[in-house]
């Protein structure tokens, strides 16, 4: 299958979606941020000096989804109809699990918006707690679900 963001001469271009049907589309992406137990405790006990880490990260993820076409050069600006970002404390990491869901009714999917939401939320957790833990690791960024459009449904295994 050829890469859609390149023309016959190998030049990058924005994909023409004008002939695609408008359908309901959804994408879910995930990421996590692993941290020291002390950092986990600071977040879970609400002791971060910058405030509500998970609440701010949730808002940042929502904003990230809405700003995706400003960040990823060949993404189409889309009428995003829903963005939700769920952050949950995971004592086994220790760290935070992040799941972002984005919906639209349009001519192209919202996988990039979901990935941007999850990564922006993770980066915000890092930013808000880096004073106590510069060694945090962000990982696991991936699409869990994509549905709608001509290519149909994709679910990660």
N, C-alpha and C. Protein backbone atom coordinates (compact mmCIF):
# COMPACT_ATOMS: atom_id res chain seq x y z
N UNK A 1 0.85 -1.18 0.00
CA UNK A 1 0.00 0.00 0.00
C UNK A 1 0.89 1.25 0.00
N UNK A 2 0.68 2.16 -0.94
CA UNK A 2 1.52 3.37 -1.00
C UNK A 2 1.20 4.34 0.13
N UNK A 3 2.18 5.15 0.48
CA UNK A 3 1.97 6.18 1.49
C UNK A 3 1.15 7.30 0.86
N UNK A 4 0.09 7.71 1.53
CA UNK A 4 -0.85 8.67 0.94
C UNK A 4 -0.38 10.12 0.99
N UNK A 5 0.60 10.43 1.81
CA UNK A 5 1.03 11.82 1.95
C UNK A 5 2.16 12.20 0.99
N UNK A 6 2.41 11.35 -0.01
CA UNK A 6 3.42 11.65 -1.02
C UNK A 6 2.80 11.50 -2.40
N UNK A 7 3.16 12.42 -3.31
CA UNK A 7 2.65 12.31 -4.68
C UNK A 7 3.56 11.38 -5.49
N UNK A 8 3.28 11.25 -6.78
CA UNK A 8 4.03 10.34 -7.65
C UNK A 8 5.52 10.71 -7.73
N UNK A 9 5.83 11.98 -7.50
CA UNK A 9 7.23 12.43 -7.54
C UNK A 9 7.91 12.34 -6.17
N UNK A 10 7.20 11.85 -5.16
CA UNK A 10 7.77 11.72 -3.83
C UNK A 10 7.69 12.97 -2.98
N UNK A 11 6.93 13.97 -3.45
CA UNK A 11 6.78 15.22 -2.71
C UNK A 11 5.64 15.09 -1.69
N UNK A 12 5.87 15.63 -0.50
CA UNK A 12 4.83 15.61 0.52
C UNK A 12 3.68 16.51 0.10
N UNK A 13 2.46 16.05 0.37
CA UNK A 13 1.27 16.85 0.08
C UNK A 13 0.14 16.47 1.02
N UNK A 14 -0.83 17.37 1.15
CA UNK A 14 -2.01 17.08 1.95
C UNK A 14 -2.94 16.23 1.10
N UNK A 15 -3.43 15.14 1.66
CA UNK A 15 -4.30 14.23 0.94
C UNK A 15 -5.61 14.93 0.61
N UNK A 16 -6.10 14.74 -0.61
CA UNK A 16 -7.38 15.30 -1.04
C UNK A 16 -8.48 14.37 -0.55
N UNK A 17 -9.31 14.85 0.38
CA UNK A 17 -10.39 14.04 0.93
C UNK A 17 -11.76 14.49 0.41
N UNK A 18 -11.76 15.37 -0.57
CA UNK A 18 -13.03 15.96 -1.02
C UNK A 18 -14.01 14.94 -1.58
N UNK A 19 -13.53 13.81 -2.10
CA UNK A 19 -14.43 12.79 -2.64
C UNK A 19 -14.85 11.76 -1.60
N UNK A 20 -14.32 11.85 -0.40
CA UNK A 20 -14.68 10.90 0.65
C UNK A 20 -16.04 11.25 1.24
N UNK A 21 -16.75 10.22 1.66
CA UNK A 21 -18.04 10.43 2.31
C UNK A 21 -17.84 10.98 3.72
N UNK A 22 -18.79 11.79 4.14
CA UNK A 22 -18.80 12.27 5.52
C UNK A 22 -19.39 11.15 6.37
N UNK A 23 -18.59 10.66 7.31
CA UNK A 23 -19.05 9.60 8.21
C UNK A 23 -18.64 9.94 9.64
N UNK A 24 -19.32 9.29 10.59
CA UNK A 24 -18.92 9.43 11.99
C UNK A 24 -17.62 8.67 12.18
N UNK A 25 -16.69 9.30 12.85
CA UNK A 25 -15.37 8.70 13.06
C UNK A 25 -14.95 8.88 14.51
N UNK A 26 -14.21 7.90 14.99
CA UNK A 26 -13.71 7.94 16.36
C UNK A 26 -12.32 7.33 16.39
N UNK A 27 -11.50 7.84 17.27
CA UNK A 27 -10.19 7.25 17.52
C UNK A 27 -9.90 7.33 19.01
N UNK A 28 -9.23 6.29 19.50
CA UNK A 28 -8.81 6.24 20.90
C UNK A 28 -7.31 5.96 20.90
N UNK A 29 -6.58 6.75 21.65
CA UNK A 29 -5.12 6.57 21.76
C UNK A 29 -4.75 6.48 23.23
N UNK A 30 -3.61 5.86 23.48
CA UNK A 30 -3.14 5.71 24.86
C UNK A 30 -1.67 6.07 24.96
N UNK A 31 -1.26 6.42 26.16
CA UNK A 31 0.14 6.65 26.51
C UNK A 31 0.25 6.44 28.02
N UNK A 32 1.47 6.43 28.51
CA UNK A 32 1.67 6.40 29.95
C UNK A 32 2.91 7.21 30.29
N UNK A 33 2.99 7.58 31.54
CA UNK A 33 4.20 8.23 32.03
C UNK A 33 4.61 7.53 33.33
N UNK A 34 5.81 7.00 33.31
CA UNK A 34 6.36 6.25 34.44
C UNK A 34 7.23 7.19 35.26
N UNK A 35 7.16 7.06 36.57
CA UNK A 35 7.85 8.00 37.45
C UNK A 35 8.32 7.31 38.73
N UNK A 36 9.09 8.04 39.50
CA UNK A 36 9.53 7.55 40.80
C UNK A 36 8.32 7.47 41.74
N UNK A 37 8.39 6.57 42.69
CA UNK A 37 7.30 6.40 43.67
C UNK A 37 7.00 7.72 44.39
N UNK A 38 8.04 8.49 44.71
CA UNK A 38 7.84 9.78 45.39
C UNK A 38 7.00 10.72 44.53
N UNK A 39 7.26 10.76 43.24
CA UNK A 39 6.49 11.62 42.33
C UNK A 39 5.05 11.14 42.24
N UNK A 40 4.87 9.84 42.14
CA UNK A 40 3.53 9.25 42.12
C UNK A 40 2.76 9.66 43.37
N UNK A 41 3.41 9.57 44.52
CA UNK A 41 2.76 9.93 45.78
C UNK A 41 2.39 11.42 45.82
N UNK A 42 3.26 12.26 45.31
CA UNK A 42 2.97 13.70 45.27
C UNK A 42 1.72 13.96 44.44
N UNK A 43 1.61 13.31 43.28
CA UNK A 43 0.44 13.50 42.41
C UNK A 43 -0.81 12.92 43.08
N UNK A 44 -0.69 11.70 43.58
CA UNK A 44 -1.88 11.04 44.14
C UNK A 44 -2.39 11.71 45.40
N UNK A 45 -1.50 12.36 46.14
CA UNK A 45 -1.90 13.06 47.38
C UNK A 45 -2.21 14.53 47.14
N UNK A 46 -2.09 14.99 45.89
CA UNK A 46 -2.42 16.38 45.56
C UNK A 46 -1.44 17.39 46.12
N UNK A 47 -0.16 17.00 46.23
CA UNK A 47 0.84 17.88 46.83
C UNK A 47 1.74 18.59 45.81
N UNK A 48 1.41 18.53 44.52
CA UNK A 48 2.25 19.18 43.51
C UNK A 48 2.17 20.69 43.65
N UNK A 49 3.34 21.33 43.63
CA UNK A 49 3.38 22.79 43.82
C UNK A 49 2.64 23.56 42.72
N UNK A 50 2.58 22.98 41.51
CA UNK A 50 1.92 23.67 40.40
C UNK A 50 0.42 23.43 40.37
N UNK A 51 -0.11 22.61 41.29
CA UNK A 51 -1.55 22.43 41.35
C UNK A 51 -2.01 21.03 40.96
N UNK A 52 -3.23 20.94 40.48
CA UNK A 52 -3.90 19.68 40.12
C UNK A 52 -3.29 19.11 38.84
N UNK A 53 -2.33 18.23 38.99
CA UNK A 53 -1.58 17.70 37.85
C UNK A 53 -2.51 17.02 36.84
N UNK A 54 -3.36 16.12 37.30
CA UNK A 54 -4.20 15.37 36.36
C UNK A 54 -5.26 16.26 35.71
N UNK A 55 -5.80 17.20 36.45
CA UNK A 55 -6.79 18.12 35.89
C UNK A 55 -6.20 19.02 34.81
N UNK A 56 -5.03 19.56 35.08
CA UNK A 56 -4.36 20.41 34.09
C UNK A 56 -3.95 19.58 32.87
N UNK A 57 -3.45 18.36 33.09
CA UNK A 57 -3.05 17.50 31.98
C UNK A 57 -4.25 17.13 31.11
N UNK A 58 -5.40 16.91 31.73
CA UNK A 58 -6.63 16.61 30.97
C UNK A 58 -6.97 17.78 30.04
N UNK A 59 -6.95 18.98 30.58
CA UNK A 59 -7.25 20.16 29.75
C UNK A 59 -6.21 20.35 28.65
N UNK A 60 -4.95 20.11 28.97
CA UNK A 60 -3.90 20.23 27.96
C UNK A 60 -4.10 19.22 26.84
N UNK A 61 -4.49 18.00 27.18
CA UNK A 61 -4.76 16.99 26.17
C UNK A 61 -5.90 17.40 25.25
N UNK A 62 -6.95 17.96 25.82
CA UNK A 62 -8.08 18.44 25.01
C UNK A 62 -7.61 19.54 24.07
N UNK A 63 -6.85 20.48 24.60
CA UNK A 63 -6.32 21.56 23.75
C UNK A 63 -5.40 21.00 22.67
N UNK A 64 -4.58 20.01 23.02
CA UNK A 64 -3.68 19.41 22.05
C UNK A 64 -4.44 18.81 20.88
N UNK A 65 -5.52 18.11 21.16
CA UNK A 65 -6.33 17.53 20.09
C UNK A 65 -6.84 18.62 19.15
N UNK A 66 -7.29 19.72 19.72
CA UNK A 66 -7.84 20.81 18.91
C UNK A 66 -6.78 21.53 18.10
N UNK A 67 -5.53 21.47 18.54
CA UNK A 67 -4.42 22.16 17.86
C UNK A 67 -3.63 21.24 16.92
N UNK A 68 -4.06 20.01 16.74
CA UNK A 68 -3.29 19.05 15.94
C UNK A 68 -2.90 19.57 14.56
N UNK A 69 -3.81 20.17 13.78
CA UNK A 69 -3.39 20.64 12.46
C UNK A 69 -2.35 21.75 12.50
N UNK A 70 -2.22 22.43 13.64
CA UNK A 70 -1.18 23.45 13.79
C UNK A 70 0.18 22.82 14.07
N UNK A 71 0.18 21.59 14.55
CA UNK A 71 1.42 20.91 14.95
C UNK A 71 1.92 19.89 13.92
N UNK A 72 1.00 19.20 13.27
CA UNK A 72 1.33 18.16 12.31
C UNK A 72 1.03 18.72 10.92
N UNK A 73 2.05 18.98 10.12
CA UNK A 73 1.89 19.78 8.90
C UNK A 73 0.83 19.33 7.90
N UNK A 74 0.60 18.03 7.75
CA UNK A 74 -0.32 17.58 6.71
C UNK A 74 -1.68 17.14 7.24
N UNK A 75 -1.97 17.42 8.50
CA UNK A 75 -3.28 17.10 9.07
C UNK A 75 -4.32 18.13 8.63
N UNK A 76 -5.50 17.63 8.34
CA UNK A 76 -6.61 18.51 7.98
C UNK A 76 -7.21 19.14 9.24
N UNK A 77 -7.60 20.40 9.17
CA UNK A 77 -8.38 20.97 10.28
C UNK A 77 -9.76 20.31 10.26
N UNK A 78 -10.19 19.79 11.40
CA UNK A 78 -11.44 19.03 11.46
C UNK A 78 -12.40 19.63 12.46
N UNK A 79 -13.69 19.45 12.21
CA UNK A 79 -14.68 19.86 13.22
C UNK A 79 -14.76 18.77 14.30
N UNK A 80 -13.91 18.85 15.27
CA UNK A 80 -13.88 17.87 16.35
C UNK A 80 -15.16 18.03 17.17
N UNK A 81 -15.88 16.93 17.35
CA UNK A 81 -17.15 16.99 18.07
C UNK A 81 -17.05 16.51 19.50
N UNK A 82 -15.97 15.79 19.82
CA UNK A 82 -15.76 15.34 21.20
C UNK A 82 -14.28 15.06 21.41
N UNK A 83 -13.80 15.47 22.57
CA UNK A 83 -12.47 15.06 23.03
C UNK A 83 -12.62 14.74 24.50
N UNK A 84 -12.21 13.55 24.88
CA UNK A 84 -12.13 13.22 26.31
C UNK A 84 -10.75 12.64 26.57
N UNK A 85 -10.20 13.03 27.70
CA UNK A 85 -8.88 12.55 28.11
C UNK A 85 -9.02 12.05 29.53
N UNK A 86 -8.77 10.76 29.70
CA UNK A 86 -8.86 10.13 31.01
C UNK A 86 -7.45 9.82 31.50
N UNK A 87 -7.15 10.26 32.70
CA UNK A 87 -5.86 9.98 33.32
C UNK A 87 -6.12 9.18 34.58
N UNK A 88 -5.42 8.08 34.74
CA UNK A 88 -5.62 7.26 35.94
C UNK A 88 -4.26 6.92 36.55
N UNK A 89 -4.23 7.02 37.85
CA UNK A 89 -3.02 6.68 38.58
C UNK A 89 -2.84 5.16 38.56
N UNK A 90 -1.62 4.73 38.25
CA UNK A 90 -1.31 3.31 38.16
C UNK A 90 -0.15 3.01 39.11
N UNK A 91 -0.44 2.48 40.29
CA UNK A 91 0.63 2.23 41.26
C UNK A 91 1.62 1.17 40.80
N UNK A 92 1.24 0.33 39.86
CA UNK A 92 2.15 -0.71 39.38
C UNK A 92 3.25 -0.16 38.48
N UNK A 93 3.01 1.00 37.81
CA UNK A 93 4.07 1.56 36.95
C UNK A 93 5.30 1.97 37.79
N UNK A 94 5.29 2.77 38.75
CA UNK A 94 4.24 3.70 39.13
C UNK A 94 4.16 4.86 38.13
N UNK A 95 2.95 5.38 37.97
CA UNK A 95 2.77 6.49 37.05
C UNK A 95 1.32 6.73 36.71
N UNK A 96 1.13 7.27 35.52
CA UNK A 96 -0.20 7.66 35.06
C UNK A 96 -0.47 7.01 33.71
N UNK A 97 -1.63 6.38 33.60
CA UNK A 97 -2.12 5.85 32.32
C UNK A 97 -3.03 6.91 31.71
N UNK A 98 -2.91 7.09 30.41
CA UNK A 98 -3.67 8.13 29.71
C UNK A 98 -4.41 7.50 28.54
N UNK A 99 -5.69 7.85 28.40
CA UNK A 99 -6.47 7.41 27.26
C UNK A 99 -7.26 8.59 26.72
N UNK A 100 -7.11 8.84 25.43
CA UNK A 100 -7.78 9.98 24.78
C UNK A 100 -8.72 9.47 23.71
N UNK A 101 -9.93 10.00 23.69
CA UNK A 101 -10.94 9.66 22.69
C UNK A 101 -11.32 10.93 21.94
N UNK A 102 -11.32 10.85 20.61
CA UNK A 102 -11.70 11.98 19.78
C UNK A 102 -12.73 11.51 18.77
N UNK A 103 -13.76 12.34 18.56
CA UNK A 103 -14.82 12.04 17.59
C UNK A 103 -15.01 13.20 16.64
N UNK A 104 -15.48 12.87 15.44
CA UNK A 104 -15.87 13.87 14.45
C UNK A 104 -16.86 13.23 13.49
N UNK A 105 -17.53 14.05 12.74
CA UNK A 105 -18.26 13.61 11.55
C UNK A 105 -17.58 14.34 10.42
N UNK A 106 -16.87 13.59 9.59
CA UNK A 106 -16.09 14.26 8.56
C UNK A 106 -15.60 13.30 7.50
N UNK A 107 -14.63 13.78 6.73
CA UNK A 107 -14.12 13.05 5.58
C UNK A 107 -12.77 12.40 5.84
N UNK A 108 -12.23 12.57 7.04
CA UNK A 108 -10.97 11.92 7.40
C UNK A 108 -10.97 11.63 8.89
N UNK A 109 -10.12 10.71 9.29
CA UNK A 109 -10.13 10.23 10.67
C UNK A 109 -9.46 11.15 11.66
N UNK A 110 -9.56 10.77 12.93
CA UNK A 110 -9.05 11.59 14.02
C UNK A 110 -7.98 10.87 14.85
N UNK A 111 -7.26 9.93 14.21
CA UNK A 111 -6.20 9.24 14.92
C UNK A 111 -5.12 10.21 15.41
N UNK A 112 -4.73 11.14 14.55
CA UNK A 112 -3.67 12.08 14.93
C UNK A 112 -4.12 12.97 16.09
N UNK A 113 -5.37 13.35 16.10
CA UNK A 113 -5.89 14.17 17.20
C UNK A 113 -5.86 13.39 18.51
N UNK A 114 -6.23 12.11 18.47
CA UNK A 114 -6.20 11.29 19.69
C UNK A 114 -4.76 11.09 20.17
N UNK A 115 -3.85 10.82 19.24
CA UNK A 115 -2.43 10.67 19.61
C UNK A 115 -1.86 11.96 20.19
N UNK A 116 -2.23 13.08 19.60
CA UNK A 116 -1.74 14.37 20.09
C UNK A 116 -2.31 14.67 21.47
N UNK A 117 -3.57 14.34 21.70
CA UNK A 117 -4.17 14.55 23.01
C UNK A 117 -3.44 13.73 24.08
N UNK A 118 -3.20 12.45 23.80
CA UNK A 118 -2.54 11.59 24.78
C UNK A 118 -1.12 12.06 25.06
N UNK A 119 -0.39 12.41 24.00
CA UNK A 119 1.00 12.84 24.22
C UNK A 119 1.07 14.20 24.91
N UNK A 120 0.18 15.10 24.58
CA UNK A 120 0.17 16.41 25.24
C UNK A 120 -0.15 16.28 26.72
N UNK A 121 -1.08 15.40 27.05
CA UNK A 121 -1.40 15.16 28.46
C UNK A 121 -0.18 14.61 29.20
N UNK A 122 0.52 13.65 28.58
CA UNK A 122 1.72 13.08 29.20
C UNK A 122 2.81 14.13 29.38
N UNK A 123 3.02 14.95 28.38
CA UNK A 123 4.02 16.02 28.47
C UNK A 123 3.67 17.01 29.58
N UNK A 124 2.39 17.25 29.77
CA UNK A 124 1.97 18.17 30.82
C UNK A 124 2.22 17.60 32.20
N UNK A 125 1.97 16.30 32.38
CA UNK A 125 2.31 15.66 33.65
C UNK A 125 3.81 15.84 33.91
N UNK A 126 4.61 15.60 32.89
CA UNK A 126 6.07 15.78 33.03
C UNK A 126 6.38 17.22 33.43
N UNK A 127 5.82 18.17 32.71
CA UNK A 127 6.12 19.58 32.98
C UNK A 127 5.76 19.98 34.41
N UNK A 128 4.64 19.49 34.88
CA UNK A 128 4.16 19.90 36.20
C UNK A 128 4.93 19.24 37.35
N UNK A 129 5.66 18.16 37.07
CA UNK A 129 6.35 17.46 38.15
C UNK A 129 7.85 17.29 37.92
N UNK A 130 8.37 17.89 36.87
CA UNK A 130 9.79 17.72 36.55
C UNK A 130 10.73 18.28 37.62
N UNK A 131 10.25 19.19 38.44
CA UNK A 131 11.09 19.75 39.50
C UNK A 131 11.52 18.67 40.50
N UNK A 132 10.70 17.63 40.65
CA UNK A 132 11.04 16.56 41.59
C UNK A 132 11.49 15.27 40.91
N UNK A 133 11.30 15.18 39.57
CA UNK A 133 11.62 13.91 38.88
C UNK A 133 11.90 14.15 37.40
N UNK A 134 13.14 14.43 37.08
CA UNK A 134 13.51 14.66 35.68
C UNK A 134 13.67 13.35 34.91
N UNK A 135 13.67 12.22 35.60
CA UNK A 135 13.89 10.92 34.95
C UNK A 135 12.60 10.22 34.51
N UNK A 136 11.46 10.91 34.60
CA UNK A 136 10.21 10.28 34.17
C UNK A 136 10.31 9.83 32.71
N UNK A 137 9.61 8.77 32.38
CA UNK A 137 9.60 8.23 31.02
C UNK A 137 8.19 8.24 30.46
N UNK A 138 8.04 8.80 29.26
CA UNK A 138 6.77 8.77 28.55
C UNK A 138 6.87 7.64 27.54
N UNK A 139 5.84 6.80 27.48
CA UNK A 139 5.90 5.68 26.54
C UNK A 139 4.52 5.16 26.20
N UNK A 140 4.54 4.10 25.39
CA UNK A 140 3.32 3.40 25.05
C UNK A 140 2.35 4.16 24.17
N UNK A 141 2.79 5.23 23.51
CA UNK A 141 1.88 6.02 22.69
C UNK A 141 1.44 5.20 21.49
N UNK A 142 0.12 4.98 21.37
CA UNK A 142 -0.39 4.16 20.27
C UNK A 142 -1.88 4.36 20.09
N UNK A 143 -2.34 3.99 18.92
CA UNK A 143 -3.78 4.00 18.62
C UNK A 143 -4.36 2.69 19.12
N UNK A 144 -5.40 2.77 19.94
CA UNK A 144 -6.09 1.59 20.43
C UNK A 144 -7.27 1.23 19.54
N UNK A 145 -7.93 2.27 19.00
CA UNK A 145 -9.14 2.07 18.21
C UNK A 145 -9.26 3.18 17.18
N UNK A 146 -9.68 2.80 15.99
CA UNK A 146 -10.02 3.74 14.93
C UNK A 146 -11.23 3.15 14.25
N UNK A 147 -12.28 3.95 14.10
CA UNK A 147 -13.48 3.45 13.44
C UNK A 147 -14.11 4.55 12.60
N UNK A 148 -14.72 4.13 11.51
CA UNK A 148 -15.37 5.06 10.59
C UNK A 148 -14.56 5.23 9.33
N UNK A 149 -15.23 5.60 8.27
CA UNK A 149 -14.55 5.81 7.00
C UNK A 149 -14.41 4.54 6.19
N UNK A 150 -13.79 4.70 5.04
CA UNK A 150 -13.67 3.61 4.08
C UNK A 150 -12.86 2.44 4.60
N UNK A 151 -11.83 2.70 5.38
CA UNK A 151 -10.96 1.61 5.84
C UNK A 151 -11.57 0.83 7.01
N UNK A 152 -12.67 1.30 7.55
CA UNK A 152 -13.36 0.54 8.59
C UNK A 152 -12.76 0.64 9.97
N UNK A 153 -12.88 -0.46 10.69
CA UNK A 153 -12.51 -0.49 12.10
C UNK A 153 -11.12 -1.11 12.29
N UNK A 154 -10.35 -0.50 13.18
CA UNK A 154 -9.07 -1.05 13.61
C UNK A 154 -9.07 -1.08 15.13
N UNK A 155 -8.72 -2.21 15.69
CA UNK A 155 -8.56 -2.32 17.14
C UNK A 155 -7.20 -2.93 17.41
N UNK A 156 -6.44 -2.30 18.31
CA UNK A 156 -5.13 -2.83 18.68
C UNK A 156 -5.31 -4.16 19.39
N UNK A 157 -4.37 -5.01 19.22
CA UNK A 157 -4.43 -6.33 19.86
C UNK A 157 -3.74 -6.32 21.19
